[in-house]
Amino acid sequence: MPGQRIPTSHQPGVSLSTTCSSESWPSATCCIQCNTAACEQFHAFDVHNPHVYRALERMAARRPAAGAARVSLKDLFEDLRRQLPHGVAGLNNNYTALYARRLISEHPHWAAAFELRRRRAA
């Protein structure tokens, strides 16, 4: 739910803000803040390819609705690559964790479906 309060991450290089909404994404104060080149590349990719997030969001919503207890962003990425005729240039597997965190920040009720690991500083 947009605007939902979420805990702040204590992971190096990445933190989650306390509030998030799709209107403020990816501002410097929303969802995933970072100081690494990979995270900045993710934000640039996301801004230029908003259809990727929307597709992942739709795909992620279908999994729990179909009875899945867990959702793998890696699997969703591969499904997305197969669905798009020529793939998505720049769809980098390094972005899966950041998309998972964004999905959870905007849909906190999905948090149990995703396994998040501690991010390493780049």
C-alpha atoms as a PDB file:
ATOM      1  CA  MET A   1       0.000   0.000   0.000  1.00  0.00           C
ATOM      2  CA  PRO A   2       1.594   3.304  -1.026  1.00  0.00           C
ATOM      3  CA  GLY A   3       2.532   5.511   1.886  1.00  0.00           C
ATOM      4  CA  GLN A   4       2.832   2.466   4.165  1.00  0.00           C
ATOM      5  CA  ARG A   5       5.490   2.709   6.853  1.00  0.00           C
ATOM      6  CA  ILE A   6       8.265   0.177   6.429  1.00  0.00           C
ATOM      7  CA  PRO A   7      11.378  -0.479   8.488  1.00  0.00           C
ATOM      8  CA  THR A   8      14.624   1.141   7.461  1.00  0.00           C
ATOM      9  CA  SER A   9      17.241  -1.288   6.228  1.00  0.00           C
ATOM     10  CA  HIS A  10      20.600  -1.421   7.968  1.00  0.00           C
ATOM     11  CA  GLN A  11      22.394  -2.750   4.917  1.00  0.00           C
ATOM     12  CA  PRO A  12      25.462  -1.000   3.567  1.00  0.00           C
ATOM     13  CA  GLY A  13      24.869   0.981   0.406  1.00  0.00           C
ATOM     14  CA  VAL A  14      21.076   0.617   0.414  1.00  0.00           C
ATOM     15  CA  SER A  15      18.360   1.838   2.715  1.00  0.00           C
ATOM     16  CA  LEU A  16      14.608   1.856   2.585  1.00  0.00           C
ATOM     17  CA  SER A  17      12.851   5.066   3.456  1.00  0.00           C
ATOM     18  CA  THR A  18       9.999   5.133   5.900  1.00  0.00           C
ATOM     19  CA  THR A  19       7.384   6.023   3.292  1.00  0.00           C
ATOM     20  CA  CYS A  20       6.998   5.298  -0.364  1.00  0.00           C
ATOM     21  CA  SER A  21       4.535   5.901  -3.118  1.00  0.00           C
ATOM     22  CA  SER A  22       4.655   5.263  -6.833  1.00  0.00           C
ATOM     23  CA  GLU A  23       4.365   9.018  -7.381  1.00  0.00           C
ATOM     24  CA  SER A  24       7.615   9.718  -5.527  1.00  0.00           C
ATOM     25  CA  TRP A  25       9.590   6.786  -6.933  1.00  0.00           C
ATOM     26  CA  PRO A  26      12.578   6.963  -7.528  1.00  0.00           C
ATOM     27  CA  SER A  27      13.260  10.179  -5.682  1.00  0.00           C
ATOM     28  CA  ALA A  28      16.246  10.444  -3.420  1.00  0.00           C
ATOM     29  CA  THR A  29      13.963  10.066  -0.395  1.00  0.00           C
ATOM     30  CA  CYS A  30      11.846   7.145  -1.503  1.00  0.00           C
ATOM     31  CA  CYS A  31      11.987   3.381  -1.265  1.00  0.00           C
ATOM     32  CA  ILE A  32      15.554   2.533  -2.094  1.00  0.00           C
ATOM     33  CA  GLN A  33      18.268   5.050  -1.479  1.00  0.00           C
ATOM     34  CA  CYS A  34      21.732   4.166  -2.590  1.00  0.00           C
ATOM     35  CA  ASN A  35      25.227   5.369  -3.006  1.00  0.00           C
ATOM     36  CA  THR A  36      26.552   2.655  -5.299  1.00  0.00           C
ATOM     37  CA  ALA A  37      27.012   2.758  -9.058  1.00  0.00           C
ATOM     38  CA  ALA A  38      24.902  -0.402  -9.507  1.00  0.00           C
ATOM     39  CA  CYS A  39      22.008   1.127  -7.593  1.00  0.00           C
ATOM     40  CA  GLU A  40      22.233   4.343  -9.600  1.00  0.00           C
ATOM     41  CA  GLN A  41      22.203   2.265 -12.808  1.00  0.00           C
ATOM     42  CA  PHE A  42      19.091   0.502 -11.536  1.00  0.00           C
ATOM     43  CA  HIS A  43      17.311   3.817 -10.936  1.00  0.00           C
ATOM     44  CA  ALA A  44      18.262   5.051 -14.416  1.00  0.00           C
ATOM     45  CA  PHE A  45      17.026   1.797 -15.989  1.00  0.00           C
ATOM     46  CA  ASP A  46      13.785   1.924 -13.992  1.00  0.00           C
ATOM     47  CA  VAL A  47      13.058   5.519 -15.025  1.00  0.00           C
ATOM     48  CA  HIS A  48      13.553   4.654 -18.703  1.00  0.00           C
ATOM     49  CA  ASN A  49      11.671   1.334 -18.511  1.00  0.00           C
ATOM     50  CA  PRO A  50       8.642   1.786 -16.229  1.00  0.00           C
ATOM     51  CA  HIS A  51       6.855  -1.021 -18.096  1.00  0.00           C
ATOM     52  CA  VAL A  52       9.309  -3.500 -16.554  1.00  0.00           C
ATOM     53  CA  TYR A  53       8.187  -2.700 -13.000  1.00  0.00           C
ATOM     54  CA  ARG A  54       4.516  -2.759 -13.996  1.00  0.00           C
ATOM     55  CA  ALA A  55       4.977  -6.168 -15.658  1.00  0.00           C
ATOM     56  CA  LEU A  56       6.839  -7.541 -12.619  1.00  0.00           C
ATOM     57  CA  GLU A  57       4.117  -6.173 -10.358  1.00  0.00           C
ATOM     58  CA  ARG A  58       1.384  -7.921 -12.383  1.00  0.00           C
ATOM     59  CA  MET A  59       3.359 -11.155 -12.511  1.00  0.00           C
ATOM     60  CA  ALA A  60       4.149 -11.025  -8.784  1.00  0.00           C
ATOM     61  CA  ALA A  61       0.467 -10.480  -7.952  1.00  0.00           C
ATOM     62  CA  ARG A  62      -0.538 -13.594  -9.878  1.00  0.00           C
ATOM     63  CA  ARG A  63       1.784 -15.946  -7.975  1.00  0.00           C
ATOM     64  CA  PRO A  64       0.234 -15.649  -4.479  1.00  0.00           C
ATOM     65  CA  ALA A  65      -3.230 -15.479  -6.051  1.00  0.00           C
ATOM     66  CA  ALA A  66      -2.460 -18.847  -7.661  1.00  0.00           C
ATOM     67  CA  GLY A  67      -1.479 -20.292  -4.271  1.00  0.00           C
ATOM     68  CA  ALA A  68       2.300 -19.832  -4.339  1.00  0.00           C
ATOM     69  CA  ALA A  69       3.807 -19.206  -0.911  1.00  0.00           C
ATOM     70  CA  ARG A  70       7.053 -17.800  -2.345  1.00  0.00           C
ATOM     71  CA  VAL A  71       7.854 -15.549  -5.293  1.00  0.00           C
ATOM     72  CA  SER A  72      11.241 -15.533  -6.995  1.00  0.00           C
ATOM     73  CA  LEU A  73      12.197 -12.316  -8.758  1.00  0.00           C
ATOM     74  CA  LYS A  74      14.792 -14.282 -10.738  1.00  0.00           C
ATOM     75  CA  ASP A  75      11.972 -16.483 -12.072  1.00  0.00           C
ATOM     76  CA  LEU A  76       9.866 -13.403 -12.838  1.00  0.00           C
ATOM     77  CA  PHE A  77      12.804 -11.873 -14.735  1.00  0.00           C
ATOM     78  CA  GLU A  78      13.174 -15.025 -16.848  1.00  0.00           C
ATOM     79  CA  ASP A  79       9.423 -15.120 -17.512  1.00  0.00           C
ATOM     80  CA  LEU A  80       9.539 -11.467 -18.533  1.00  0.00           C
ATOM     81  CA  ARG A  81      12.428 -12.129 -20.910  1.00  0.00           C
ATOM     82  CA  ARG A  82      10.445 -14.941 -22.550  1.00  0.00           C
ATOM     83  CA  GLN A  83       7.281 -12.834 -22.846  1.00  0.00           C
ATOM     84  CA  LEU A  84       8.917  -9.878 -24.544  1.00  0.00           C
ATOM     85  CA  PRO A  85       9.671 -10.483 -28.223  1.00  0.00           C
ATOM     86  CA  HIS A  86      13.225  -9.138 -28.092  1.00  0.00           C
ATOM     87  CA  GLY A  87      13.737  -9.046 -24.355  1.00  0.00           C
ATOM     88  CA  VAL A  88      14.526  -5.813 -22.604  1.00  0.00           C
ATOM     89  CA  ALA A  89      17.897  -4.282 -23.321  1.00  0.00           C
ATOM     90  CA  GLY A  90      19.647  -3.661 -20.036  1.00  0.00           C
ATOM     91  CA  LEU A  91      17.461  -5.965 -17.898  1.00  0.00           C
ATOM     92  CA  ASN A  92      20.220  -6.905 -15.498  1.00  0.00           C
ATOM     93  CA  ASN A  93      19.965  -9.745 -12.970  1.00  0.00           C
ATOM     94  CA  ASN A  94      21.652  -7.417 -10.486  1.00  0.00           C
ATOM     95  CA  TYR A  95      18.368  -5.488 -10.367  1.00  0.00           C
ATOM     96  CA  THR A  96      16.274  -8.361  -8.999  1.00  0.00           C
ATOM     97  CA  ALA A  97      16.919  -7.536  -5.331  1.00  0.00           C
ATOM     98  CA  LEU A  98      16.135  -3.864  -5.892  1.00  0.00           C
ATOM     99  CA  TYR A  99      12.900  -4.673  -7.726  1.00  0.00           C
ATOM    100  CA  ALA A 100      11.966  -7.078  -4.904  1.00  0.00           C
ATOM    101  CA  ARG A 101      12.516  -4.325  -2.342  1.00  0.00           C
ATOM    102  CA  ARG A 102      10.470  -1.898  -4.399  1.00  0.00           C
ATOM    103  CA  LEU A 103       7.625  -4.412  -4.739  1.00  0.00           C
ATOM    104  CA  ILE A 104       7.641  -4.990  -0.984  1.00  0.00           C
ATOM    105  CA  SER A 105       7.750  -1.264  -0.232  1.00  0.00           C
ATOM    106  CA  GLU A 106       4.669  -0.693  -2.387  1.00  0.00           C
ATOM    107  CA  HIS A 107       2.936  -3.967  -1.440  1.00  0.00           C
ATOM    108  CA  PRO A 108       3.937  -4.785   2.166  1.00  0.00           C
ATOM    109  CA  HIS A 109       1.478  -7.688   2.258  1.00  0.00           C
ATOM    110  CA  TRP A 110       3.834  -9.485  -0.180  1.00  0.00           C
ATOM    111  CA  ALA A 111       6.810  -9.297   2.204  1.00  0.00           C
ATOM    112  CA  ALA A 112       6.472 -12.926   3.333  1.00  0.00           C
ATOM    113  CA  ALA A 113       6.497 -14.118  -0.284  1.00  0.00           C
ATOM    114  CA  PHE A 114       9.953 -12.687  -1.024  1.00  0.00           C
ATOM    115  CA  GLU A 115      13.202 -13.763   0.581  1.00  0.00           C
ATOM    116  CA  LEU A 116      15.480 -10.774   0.953  1.00  0.00           C
ATOM    117  CA  ARG A 117      19.148 -11.201   1.636  1.00  0.00           C
ATOM    118  CA  ARG A 118      21.584  -8.756   3.093  1.00  0.00           C
ATOM    119  CA  ARG A 119      22.946  -6.534   0.318  1.00  0.00           C
ATOM    120  CA  ARG A 120      26.682  -6.217  -0.043  1.00  0.00           C
ATOM    121  CA  ALA A 121      28.244  -2.837  -0.620  1.00  0.00           C
ATOM    122  CA  ALA A 122      29.612  -2.509  -4.157  1.00  0.00           C
END
